[in-house]
């Protein structure tokens, strides 16, 4: 007959196996299904720690009619919105949004992991505070990867239409992979790179931004998937604690 210790051991091993099948946790999800300024609004349906958007008081607005966020008018040449982020987990953080824009005009829409003070009304496009991100430049017909202030062209074409961008960042290795549904970024050499430890440490937000552009953002999400190894270690740690107490 098995002892209680054996049953608990089996339970902890089982926990480790289950934990190895990691599930994504939603940190932020915003459908922008409301009317008004982005600044001070709460991501809906999901936020973490009561976080709200930080933006210019009027430059970015949301629309319940289209479920989008966009620069409110040409009155504001530059605009950006931020949500706080601390890379305190061991795993992969995935930032995603759908971007729609006209085929010409404007200088860039940005989606990025950000590091530094929040520049709500200055040009976010080539800022060194974009630690890992992307941009569309319909005015110059190119898509770019932005990394610590350096923009690298990955495609030259007509950039009109709707594209869903995904930026995956592994907090263990610093590996970044940028993909998209239209193929401007997917599979391009510049779309995969590795951040330094200092660059990862500097990240304090995720952001959307526009530089003299009139496109829209929708379906904004930030998720986190823990590394299976880290979950297994938690299981082993709990087992060791139980054994000590016995």
Foldseek 3Di string as FASTA:
>chain_A
DDDPLVVVVVVLVVQLVVLQVWDKDFAAWALLLDWDAQAPAHGPPHHPPRWGKHAPRQQWIGHNVRSWIWGPDLVQQKFKIKTWDDPPAQFKKKWKWKKAAAQAFFAKKKWAQFFDDDDGRDHPPQALRRQWIWIAGSHQQFIWTHHSRDTDTQDGDRPHDMKMKMWMAGLPFQWIAIDIDVGSRPPTPVRIDGDDPVSNRRGTIIMIMGRRGTMIIGGITMITIHNSVVSSVVSVVVSVVVVVVD
